[in-house]
Amino acid sequence: MQKRALITGISGQDGSYLAEFLLSKGYEVHGLVRRESLEVSGGREDNLSSVRNRVILHQGSIVDHLSLYRCIKDVQPDECYHLAAASFVHYGFEEEFQVMNSNFSATHYLLASILELRPQCRFFYAGSSEMFGKPDFAPQNETSGFSPRSIYGISKVASHHLLQNYRSREGLFACTGFLYNHESPRRARHFVTRKITRGVARIAKGLDKTLKLGNLDAVRDWGYAPDFIQGMWMMLQANEPRDYILATGKTHSVKDFLEIAFSTLELDWKQFVETDPKFFRESDPIPLIGDPSRVYQELGWKAQKPLTEIIREMVLADFQTVL
């Protein structure tokens, strides 16, 4: 029997790759999208261009309990991947309530609706390395304590605890994937990685002369989005629901990223990059780096694509499309 999957955030980087992956596995794929995602062209919805006629989109909002309830009732999914979130780490005070509502309340609405309407549905929640915030040690594993440093991280931790409660108290097959940074040509433009690859493309085409960035010594654990998608799916195919870290287990600095990105188009980053204090973010005394050993031992998942290849793919994609 054909499985049905529901994806929130289907038009984003992860959601669109997941939709393609699940279709290749023979799933019937449904996605929840906002009205503007259906009406506006040239934006994130272009991520779905290759499969637009093969997925079923439902108009609604993750902060509207009724639209989520109706979506679960109509789709009757076998698997639900909750990827939609306010995903940028830095927010002003006036936006904090909106972030908490988008990230925590939406998770609550989904879990409550699934429990009532489709309790056999398996649920994946997209957690974040930002949940660990200021860790006590590196690399972090599934037993590491949470110490979020932003409202985004706090909302993710709260959602994870809620999920654990539904799993232990109600018996739902629900699990959190602690997703470390994962990139691709579909990465949203406000992330520093995409800012860099687009900047390189614009400089190479003579559209810009400089690229302004913050702390070049900051390090991150960067992987490849399509690799992470497979990890999400594998978590829902397991016999028991467990939470896993999805990461590469390796770190690179922004400076490393710059060197690879500019060299892809035979440029020297030192000639074009300027640091700007307004973009600075403190270096973490203990870096956010994930230990993926448990997910490899238990599910056989590991990151595949090297960072050099990821960056080159992003730069070349931006060079093809940037104006």
Protein backbone atom coordinates (compact mmCIF):
# COMPACT_ATOMS: atom_id res chain seq x y z
CA MET A 1 0.00 0.00 0.00
CA GLN A 2 1.31 3.46 -0.94
CA LYS A 3 2.41 5.53 2.05
CA ARG A 4 1.24 9.11 2.50
CA ALA A 5 3.56 11.75 3.91
CA LEU A 6 2.77 15.29 5.05
CA ILE A 7 5.57 17.88 5.05
CA THR A 8 5.36 21.29 6.69
CA GLY A 9 7.85 23.69 5.15
CA ILE A 10 7.73 21.75 1.88
CA SER A 11 8.77 24.76 -0.21
CA GLY A 12 11.98 25.33 1.75
CA GLN A 13 15.39 23.75 1.32
CA ASP A 14 14.77 20.64 3.40
CA GLY A 15 11.11 20.24 2.51
CA SER A 16 11.70 20.31 -1.24
CA TYR A 17 14.55 17.80 -1.09
CA LEU A 18 12.45 15.58 1.17
CA ALA A 19 9.53 15.75 -1.24
CA GLU A 20 11.76 14.60 -4.10
CA PHE A 21 13.25 11.84 -1.97
CA LEU A 22 9.88 10.51 -0.80
CA LEU A 23 8.48 10.56 -4.32
CA SER A 24 11.45 8.45 -5.41
CA LYS A 25 10.42 5.98 -2.69
CA GLY A 26 6.88 5.75 -4.05
CA TYR A 27 5.14 7.94 -1.47
CA GLU A 28 2.10 10.11 -2.01
CA VAL A 29 3.46 13.47 -0.87
CA HIS A 30 1.41 16.29 0.64
CA GLY A 31 2.66 19.68 1.77
CA LEU A 32 1.30 22.52 3.84
CA VAL A 33 2.00 25.93 2.31
CA ARG A 34 1.01 29.54 2.93
CA ARG A 35 -1.16 31.35 0.40
CA GLU A 36 1.74 33.56 -0.70
CA SER A 37 3.82 30.49 -1.55
CA LEU A 38 1.17 29.56 -4.09
CA GLU A 39 0.80 33.05 -5.51
CA VAL A 40 4.32 34.50 -5.66
CA SER A 41 6.75 33.35 -8.36
CA GLY A 42 10.52 33.50 -8.31
CA GLY A 43 10.89 32.67 -4.63
CA ARG A 44 11.25 29.64 -2.39
CA GLU A 45 8.43 27.81 -4.17
CA ASP A 46 10.81 27.39 -7.14
CA ASN A 47 12.46 24.68 -5.04
CA LEU A 48 9.48 22.51 -5.95
CA SER A 49 9.59 23.20 -9.68
CA SER A 50 10.77 19.70 -10.59
CA VAL A 51 7.98 17.97 -8.64
CA ARG A 52 5.24 20.61 -8.51
CA ASN A 53 2.82 18.45 -10.49
CA ARG A 54 3.53 15.37 -8.37
CA VAL A 55 2.89 16.76 -4.89
CA ILE A 56 -0.43 17.77 -3.35
CA LEU A 57 -0.32 21.17 -1.67
CA HIS A 58 -2.71 22.29 1.07
CA GLN A 59 -3.11 25.95 1.88
CA GLY A 60 -2.81 26.77 5.55
CA SER A 61 -0.70 28.20 8.32
CA ILE A 62 1.32 26.39 10.96
CA VAL A 63 0.08 28.86 13.56
CA ASP A 64 -3.58 28.14 12.77
CA HIS A 65 -4.72 25.13 14.76
CA LEU A 66 -7.84 24.66 12.64
CA SER A 67 -5.98 24.53 9.31
CA LEU A 68 -3.49 22.01 10.71
CA TYR A 69 -6.31 19.91 12.15
CA ARG A 70 -8.14 19.91 8.80
CA CYS A 71 -4.96 19.02 6.95
CA ILE A 72 -4.29 16.00 9.15
CA LYS A 73 -7.92 14.95 8.82
CA ASP A 74 -7.88 15.25 5.01
CA VAL A 75 -4.48 13.68 4.36
CA GLN A 76 -4.49 10.93 7.01
CA PRO A 77 -0.69 10.72 6.76
CA ASP A 78 1.42 7.70 7.62
CA GLU A 79 4.38 9.99 8.27
CA CYS A 80 4.55 13.68 9.15
CA TYR A 81 7.75 15.71 8.81
CA HIS A 82 7.53 18.99 10.70
CA LEU A 83 10.20 21.15 9.09
CA ALA A 84 8.51 24.56 9.03
CA ALA A 85 9.83 27.09 11.53
CA ALA A 86 11.03 30.61 12.01
CA SER A 87 14.59 29.54 11.37
CA PHE A 88 16.83 32.59 11.71
CA VAL A 89 18.65 32.75 15.04
CA HIS A 90 18.80 36.51 15.65
CA TYR A 91 15.51 38.33 16.34
CA GLY A 92 14.54 41.59 17.94
CA PHE A 93 12.50 41.62 21.13
CA GLU A 94 9.30 42.52 19.29
CA GLU A 95 9.57 39.33 17.22
CA GLU A 96 10.20 36.88 20.05
CA PHE A 97 6.53 36.11 20.67
CA GLN A 98 5.97 35.41 16.99
CA VAL A 99 8.97 33.05 16.91
CA MET A 100 7.76 31.14 19.95
CA ASN A 101 4.28 30.87 18.48
CA SER A 102 5.57 29.67 15.10
CA ASN A 103 7.98 27.13 16.53
CA PHE A 104 6.35 25.85 19.71
CA SER A 105 2.59 26.30 19.24
CA ALA A 106 2.70 24.83 15.73
CA THR A 107 4.38 21.69 17.05
CA HIS A 108 1.75 21.44 19.77
CA TYR A 109 -1.08 21.83 17.26
CA LEU A 110 0.35 19.11 15.04
CA LEU A 111 0.97 16.61 17.84
CA ALA A 112 -2.48 17.16 19.33
CA SER A 113 -4.16 16.77 15.93
CA ILE A 114 -2.20 13.62 15.11
CA LEU A 115 -3.04 12.09 18.49
CA GLU A 116 -6.75 12.64 17.93
CA LEU A 117 -7.05 11.94 14.20
CA ARG A 118 -4.14 9.70 13.17
CA PRO A 119 -2.32 8.26 16.22
CA GLN A 120 -0.46 5.68 14.10
CA CYS A 121 1.23 8.46 12.11
CA ARG A 122 4.99 8.65 12.66
CA PHE A 123 6.21 12.16 13.44
CA PHE A 124 9.62 13.75 12.76
CA TYR A 125 10.56 17.05 14.35
CA ALA A 126 13.41 19.15 12.97
CA GLY A 127 15.51 20.15 15.95
CA SER A 128 18.67 22.24 15.79
CA SER A 129 22.22 22.45 17.06
CA GLU A 130 21.15 25.82 18.49
CA MET A 131 19.32 23.85 21.18
CA PHE A 132 22.73 23.12 22.72
CA GLY A 133 23.65 26.81 22.45
CA LYS A 134 26.61 27.11 24.79
CA PRO A 135 27.66 23.48 25.29
CA ASP A 136 29.85 22.08 28.04
CA PHE A 137 31.83 19.88 25.68
CA ALA A 138 32.39 19.04 22.03
CA PRO A 139 31.32 17.13 20.12
CA GLN A 140 27.76 17.11 21.43
CA ASN A 141 25.79 13.87 21.56
CA GLU A 142 22.25 12.84 22.39
CA THR A 143 22.92 13.08 26.13
CA SER A 144 24.29 16.63 26.02
CA GLY A 145 22.44 19.20 28.08
CA PHE A 146 20.54 22.04 26.45
CA SER A 147 21.73 25.61 26.92
CA PRO A 148 20.04 27.70 24.20
CA ARG A 149 21.15 31.29 23.73
CA SER A 150 18.31 32.61 21.56
CA ILE A 151 14.53 32.56 21.48
CA TYR A 152 14.88 30.28 18.45
CA GLY A 153 16.87 27.72 20.45
CA ILE A 154 14.50 28.04 23.40
CA SER A 155 11.48 27.39 21.18
CA LYS A 156 13.15 24.30 19.73
CA VAL A 157 14.00 22.91 23.19
CA ALA A 158 10.44 23.50 24.37
CA SER A 159 9.04 21.70 21.32
CA HIS A 160 11.39 18.76 21.88
CA HIS A 161 10.26 18.37 25.49
CA LEU A 162 6.64 18.52 24.35
CA LEU A 163 7.34 15.79 21.78
CA GLN A 164 8.98 13.60 24.42
CA ASN A 165 5.88 13.99 26.56
CA TYR A 166 3.58 12.88 23.73
CA ARG A 167 5.87 9.94 23.06
CA SER A 168 6.13 8.71 26.63
CA ARG A 169 2.63 9.59 27.82
CA GLU A 170 0.54 8.97 24.68
CA GLY A 171 2.68 6.41 22.86
CA LEU A 172 3.13 8.40 19.64
CA PHE A 173 5.98 7.42 17.36
CA ALA A 174 7.63 10.83 17.52
CA CYS A 175 11.29 11.73 17.36
CA THR A 176 13.59 14.74 17.09
CA GLY A 177 16.51 15.02 14.74
CA PHE A 178 19.09 17.45 16.10
CA LEU A 179 20.11 18.97 12.78
CA TYR A 180 23.46 20.68 12.56
CA ASN A 181 24.09 23.15 9.74
CA HIS A 182 23.30 21.68 6.34
CA GLU A 183 23.68 23.54 3.08
CA SER A 184 22.77 23.39 -0.61
CA PRO A 185 21.97 25.73 -3.50
CA ARG A 186 18.46 25.96 -2.02
CA ARG A 187 19.67 27.46 1.26
CA ALA A 188 17.79 30.68 2.07
CA ARG A 189 19.69 33.85 1.23
CA HIS A 190 19.86 35.23 4.79
CA PHE A 191 22.19 32.42 5.91
CA VAL A 192 25.87 33.31 5.82
CA THR A 193 26.76 30.37 3.59
CA ARG A 194 24.38 31.50 0.85
CA LYS A 195 25.41 35.12 1.38
CA ILE A 196 28.96 34.02 0.60
CA THR A 197 28.19 31.91 -2.47
CA ARG A 198 25.93 34.58 -3.97
CA GLY A 199 28.53 37.21 -3.13
CA VAL A 200 31.21 35.27 -4.98
CA ALA A 201 28.95 34.90 -8.01
CA ARG A 202 28.10 38.62 -8.05
CA ILE A 203 31.75 39.64 -7.69
CA ALA A 204 32.80 37.27 -10.47
CA LYS A 205 30.15 38.85 -12.75
CA GLY A 206 31.24 42.36 -11.86
CA LEU A 207 28.00 43.17 -10.05
CA ASP A 208 29.67 43.78 -6.67
CA LYS A 209 33.17 44.71 -5.59
CA THR A 210 33.17 43.57 -1.96
CA LEU A 211 31.54 41.11 0.42
CA LYS A 212 31.01 42.23 4.02
CA LEU A 213 31.00 39.60 6.74
CA GLY A 214 31.44 39.27 10.49
CA ASN A 215 33.69 36.91 12.43
CA LEU A 216 35.74 34.91 9.92
CA ASP A 217 37.09 32.63 12.64
CA ALA A 218 33.65 31.33 13.63
CA VAL A 219 33.36 27.58 13.04
CA ARG A 220 30.43 25.35 12.19
CA ASP A 221 29.64 21.72 11.45
CA TRP A 222 28.43 22.02 7.84
CA GLY A 223 26.83 19.13 5.96
CA TYR A 224 24.75 18.59 2.83
CA ALA A 225 20.97 18.99 2.97
CA PRO A 226 20.07 15.97 0.76
CA ASP A 227 22.19 13.75 3.04
CA PHE A 228 20.27 14.97 6.08
CA ILE A 229 16.94 14.30 4.37
CA GLN A 230 17.78 10.62 4.13
CA GLY A 231 18.59 10.63 7.85
CA MET A 232 15.17 12.05 8.67
CA TRP A 233 13.46 9.32 6.68
CA MET A 234 15.58 6.57 8.23
CA MET A 235 14.57 7.73 11.70
CA LEU A 236 10.90 7.12 10.89
CA GLN A 237 11.61 3.66 9.46
CA ALA A 238 13.19 2.42 12.71
CA ASN A 239 11.49 -0.08 15.00
CA GLU A 240 11.42 2.35 17.92
CA PRO A 241 11.29 6.16 18.04
CA ARG A 242 14.60 7.62 19.13
CA ASP A 243 16.19 11.04 18.90
CA TYR A 244 19.43 11.38 16.95
CA ILE A 245 22.07 13.93 16.12
CA LEU A 246 22.48 14.44 12.37
CA ALA A 247 25.87 16.05 11.76
CA THR A 248 29.18 15.51 10.00
CA GLY A 249 31.32 15.50 13.14
CA LYS A 250 33.73 17.96 11.46
CA THR A 251 34.11 21.72 11.76
CA HIS A 252 35.32 24.39 9.37
CA SER A 253 35.67 28.13 9.79
CA VAL A 254 34.00 30.87 7.78
CA LYS A 255 37.49 31.59 6.44
CA ASP A 256 37.72 27.99 5.16
CA PHE A 257 34.34 28.41 3.50
CA LEU A 258 35.47 31.65 1.85
CA GLU A 259 38.65 30.15 0.49
CA ILE A 260 36.82 27.26 -1.17
CA ALA A 261 34.01 29.47 -2.49
CA PHE A 262 36.23 32.10 -4.11
CA SER A 263 38.70 29.57 -5.47
CA THR A 264 35.83 27.84 -7.29
CA LEU A 265 35.76 30.84 -9.64
CA GLU A 266 39.54 31.35 -9.44
CA LEU A 267 39.35 34.37 -7.16
CA ASP A 268 41.33 35.29 -4.02
CA TRP A 269 38.89 36.01 -1.20
CA LYS A 270 41.36 38.34 0.57
CA GLN A 271 40.97 40.86 -2.25
CA PHE A 272 37.20 41.17 -1.85
CA VAL A 273 36.12 40.39 1.73
CA GLU A 274 35.71 43.09 4.36
CA THR A 275 34.75 42.55 7.99
CA ASP A 276 31.95 44.65 9.45
CA PRO A 277 31.36 44.85 13.21
CA LYS A 278 27.59 44.85 12.77
CA PHE A 279 27.77 41.27 11.48
CA PHE A 280 29.98 40.00 14.28
CA ARG A 281 28.90 37.11 16.42
CA GLU A 282 31.14 35.93 19.23
CA SER A 283 33.22 32.81 18.69
CA ASP A 284 31.96 29.95 20.79
CA PRO A 285 34.50 28.87 23.43
CA ILE A 286 33.29 25.32 22.81
CA PRO A 287 32.16 24.84 19.19
CA LEU A 288 28.86 23.40 18.06
CA ILE A 289 29.93 20.12 16.51
CA GLY A 290 27.78 17.02 16.48
CA ASP A 291 28.70 13.42 17.25
CA PRO A 292 26.77 11.28 14.73
CA SER A 293 28.10 7.94 16.02
CA ARG A 294 24.78 6.75 17.49
CA VAL A 295 22.78 7.28 14.29
CA TYR A 296 25.51 5.51 12.31
CA GLN A 297 25.67 2.55 14.69
CA GLU A 298 21.90 2.12 14.99
CA LEU A 299 20.56 3.25 11.60
CA GLY A 300 23.62 3.23 9.35
CA TRP A 301 23.39 6.91 8.45
CA LYS A 302 26.36 9.18 7.93
CA ALA A 303 27.05 12.39 6.03
CA GLN A 304 28.43 11.69 2.57
CA LYS A 305 29.23 14.83 0.59
CA PRO A 306 32.45 16.70 1.49
CA LEU A 307 32.19 20.40 2.24
CA THR A 308 34.40 21.32 -0.72
CA GLU A 309 31.91 19.72 -3.12
CA ILE A 310 28.93 21.30 -1.34
CA ILE A 311 30.40 24.79 -1.62
CA ARG A 312 31.38 24.38 -5.25
CA GLU A 313 27.87 23.20 -6.12
CA MET A 314 26.40 26.25 -4.38
CA VAL A 315 28.76 28.73 -6.04
CA LEU A 316 28.22 27.32 -9.53
CA ALA A 317 24.44 27.30 -9.04
CA ASP A 318 24.48 30.93 -7.95
CA PHE A 319 26.78 31.88 -10.82
CA GLN A 320 24.24 30.41 -13.24
CA THR A 321 21.29 32.34 -11.80
CA VAL A 322 22.52 35.52 -10.10
CA LEU A 323 21.63 38.83 -11.73
